[in-house]
Amino acid sequence: MTETAVRAATAEAVQDAPGSVITLLTDTAELTCNTATFDEGAAGAPVHFHTRATEFFHVTAGRLDVLVGDEIHTLGAGDFIVVPPGVTHAFAPAAGHAASVFVGFTPGMGRFDYYRLLGRVHAGEATVQDIKDSSPTYDNHYAQSPVWSGRRRSAAP
């Protein structure tokens, strides 16, 4: 692995949905890392799983709900959670809160183009079908969770 230094002033940021910005940090064969900021009420990431990568989250500010399997964990600043390959998960700011989080994947997956695709969908330059079609490339496979669906409904005003 080679040294990687990313300066905040020059890091690429992608708006992937209303109230959500992903800042790209490193994307190597060993490790993919980014930060994500979510405004209160932002949708976050839908239920999905990875077949090859472990994903981890370190909340740096606010509160973040993270679905892992069938359990929702509400994490605060300083909290950390790891999701092994094959385990369904999702994440979004907890009701009434914004959140900032450091996200990593190991091994890395060339994932920055996935985030850019999300940004293009948000900008109307690509479609949700493009995201679905990219699942094998980016090891991002969508799933369903009644637990997560119930959480989103109960958080609505």
Protein backbone atom coordinates (compact mmCIF):
# COMPACT_ATOMS: atom_id res chain seq x y z
CA MET A 1 0.00 0.00 0.00
CA THR A 2 1.31 3.43 -0.87
CA GLU A 3 1.03 6.54 1.23
CA THR A 4 -2.11 8.60 0.63
CA ALA A 5 -2.62 12.15 1.86
CA VAL A 6 -5.85 13.99 1.10
CA ARG A 7 -6.29 17.65 1.98
CA ALA A 8 -9.76 18.77 2.99
CA ALA A 9 -9.56 21.81 0.70
CA THR A 10 -9.00 19.66 -2.39
CA ALA A 11 -10.99 16.50 -1.59
CA GLU A 12 -13.71 15.68 -4.10
CA ALA A 13 -17.23 16.02 -2.68
CA VAL A 14 -20.31 14.40 -4.23
CA GLN A 15 -23.88 15.35 -3.40
CA ASP A 16 -25.63 12.01 -3.75
CA ALA A 17 -29.08 12.96 -2.44
CA PRO A 18 -30.84 15.90 -0.83
CA GLY A 19 -29.09 16.70 2.45
CA SER A 20 -26.26 14.22 1.87
CA VAL A 21 -22.65 14.86 0.83
CA ILE A 22 -19.90 12.24 0.44
CA THR A 23 -16.28 13.43 0.55
CA LEU A 24 -13.90 11.01 -1.18
CA LEU A 25 -10.65 10.25 0.70
CA THR A 26 -8.91 7.11 -0.59
CA ASP A 27 -9.81 4.29 -2.95
CA THR A 28 -7.12 1.62 -3.20
CA ALA A 29 -7.24 -2.15 -3.54
CA GLU A 30 -6.80 -2.43 0.24
CA LEU A 31 -9.02 0.36 1.53
CA THR A 32 -11.78 2.72 0.45
CA CYS A 33 -12.60 5.63 2.80
CA ASN A 34 -14.89 8.62 2.70
CA THR A 35 -16.77 10.91 5.02
CA ALA A 36 -20.50 11.46 4.76
CA THR A 37 -22.59 14.27 6.18
CA PHE A 38 -26.33 13.99 6.51
CA ASP A 39 -28.71 16.82 7.28
CA GLU A 40 -31.60 16.10 9.61
CA GLY A 41 -34.17 14.07 7.67
CA ALA A 42 -31.75 12.90 4.94
CA ALA A 43 -32.56 9.45 3.55
CA GLY A 44 -29.10 7.94 4.11
CA ALA A 45 -28.21 4.62 2.48
CA PRO A 46 -30.91 2.03 1.71
CA VAL A 47 -30.70 -1.56 2.91
CA HIS A 48 -27.88 -3.38 1.13
CA PHE A 49 -25.01 -5.80 1.63
CA HIS A 50 -21.53 -6.44 0.27
CA THR A 51 -20.30 -9.92 -0.63
CA ARG A 52 -16.58 -9.16 -0.36
CA ALA A 53 -16.07 -6.08 1.80
CA THR A 54 -16.25 -5.32 5.48
CA GLU A 55 -17.70 -1.83 6.01
CA PHE A 56 -17.08 0.24 9.11
CA PHE A 57 -18.52 3.48 10.47
CA HIS A 58 -17.14 5.99 12.97
CA VAL A 59 -19.60 8.74 13.88
CA THR A 60 -17.80 12.06 14.23
CA ALA A 61 -20.81 14.28 15.02
CA GLY A 62 -24.54 13.95 15.58
CA ARG A 63 -26.44 10.69 15.79
CA LEU A 64 -26.63 7.91 13.20
CA ASP A 65 -29.03 4.97 13.00
CA VAL A 66 -27.31 1.89 11.58
CA LEU A 67 -29.21 -1.27 10.70
CA VAL A 68 -27.07 -4.40 11.07
CA GLY A 69 -28.98 -7.55 10.21
CA ASP A 70 -32.27 -7.12 12.05
CA GLU A 71 -31.05 -4.72 14.72
CA ILE A 72 -30.89 -0.92 14.62
CA HIS A 73 -28.06 0.70 16.56
CA THR A 74 -28.23 4.43 17.30
CA LEU A 75 -24.66 5.71 17.41
CA GLY A 76 -23.41 9.02 18.77
CA ALA A 77 -20.22 10.98 18.25
CA GLY A 78 -17.22 8.73 18.88
CA ASP A 79 -19.12 5.46 18.39
CA PHE A 80 -17.85 2.83 15.94
CA ILE A 81 -19.44 -0.21 14.29
CA VAL A 82 -18.22 -2.88 11.85
CA VAL A 83 -20.44 -4.74 9.36
CA PRO A 84 -19.01 -8.02 7.99
CA PRO A 85 -19.51 -9.15 4.39
CA GLY A 86 -22.93 -10.65 3.65
CA VAL A 87 -24.74 -8.80 6.45
CA THR A 88 -27.57 -6.49 5.40
CA HIS A 89 -27.23 -2.95 6.66
CA ALA A 90 -28.44 0.62 6.13
CA PHE A 91 -27.77 3.96 7.75
CA ALA A 92 -29.31 7.40 8.13
CA PRO A 93 -29.28 10.22 10.65
CA ALA A 94 -31.35 9.43 13.72
CA ALA A 95 -34.73 11.17 13.91
CA GLY A 96 -34.28 14.82 14.84
CA HIS A 97 -30.51 14.77 14.23
CA ALA A 98 -27.89 15.46 11.60
CA ALA A 99 -24.84 13.18 11.40
CA SER A 100 -21.27 13.14 10.17
CA VAL A 101 -19.52 9.80 9.75
CA PHE A 102 -16.21 8.36 8.58
CA VAL A 103 -16.88 5.28 6.42
CA GLY A 104 -14.39 2.65 5.31
CA PHE A 105 -14.34 -0.58 3.32
CA THR A 106 -11.73 -3.28 3.33
CA PRO A 107 -10.73 -4.51 0.88
CA GLY A 108 -11.15 -1.43 -1.28
CA MET A 109 -13.32 -1.71 -4.37
CA GLY A 110 -12.74 1.16 -6.76
CA ARG A 111 -15.87 2.55 -5.14
CA PHE A 112 -15.41 6.25 -5.94
CA ASP A 113 -17.08 5.74 -9.33
CA TYR A 114 -20.11 4.33 -7.50
CA TYR A 115 -20.38 7.52 -5.45
CA ARG A 116 -20.01 9.57 -8.62
CA LEU A 117 -22.82 7.52 -10.18
CA LEU A 118 -25.03 8.36 -7.19
CA GLY A 119 -24.21 12.03 -7.76
CA ARG A 120 -25.15 11.73 -11.45
CA VAL A 121 -28.48 10.13 -10.49
CA HIS A 122 -29.11 12.98 -8.06
CA ALA A 123 -28.30 15.49 -10.85
CA GLY A 124 -30.65 13.71 -13.29
CA GLU A 125 -27.76 12.51 -15.50
CA ALA A 126 -28.20 8.78 -14.76
CA THR A 127 -31.01 6.53 -13.53
CA VAL A 128 -31.77 4.28 -10.59
CA GLN A 129 -31.54 1.41 -13.08
CA ASP A 130 -27.91 2.40 -13.68
CA ILE A 131 -27.30 1.96 -9.96
CA LYS A 132 -29.01 -1.46 -9.96
CA ASP A 133 -26.96 -2.51 -12.99
CA SER A 134 -23.73 -1.52 -11.20
CA SER A 135 -24.27 -3.90 -8.25
CA PRO A 136 -21.78 -6.58 -9.40
CA THR A 137 -19.12 -3.98 -10.24
CA TYR A 138 -19.25 -2.15 -6.91
CA ASP A 139 -20.32 -5.08 -4.68
CA ASN A 140 -23.37 -3.13 -3.54
CA HIS A 141 -26.45 -5.37 -3.49
CA TYR A 142 -29.81 -3.98 -2.44
CA ALA A 143 -32.14 -5.84 -0.08
CA GLN A 144 -35.30 -5.34 1.97
CA SER A 145 -35.76 -5.02 5.72
CA PRO A 146 -39.10 -4.72 7.51
CA VAL A 147 -37.17 -3.51 10.57
CA TRP A 148 -35.62 -0.61 8.63
CA SER A 149 -38.86 0.17 6.78
CA GLY A 150 -40.68 0.34 10.12
CA ARG A 151 -38.03 2.66 11.53
CA ARG A 152 -38.40 5.09 8.63
CA ARG A 153 -42.21 5.11 8.96
CA SER A 154 -42.12 5.62 12.72
CA ALA A 155 -39.66 8.51 12.33
CA ALA A 156 -41.96 10.37 9.91
CA PRO A 157 -44.00 13.27 11.36
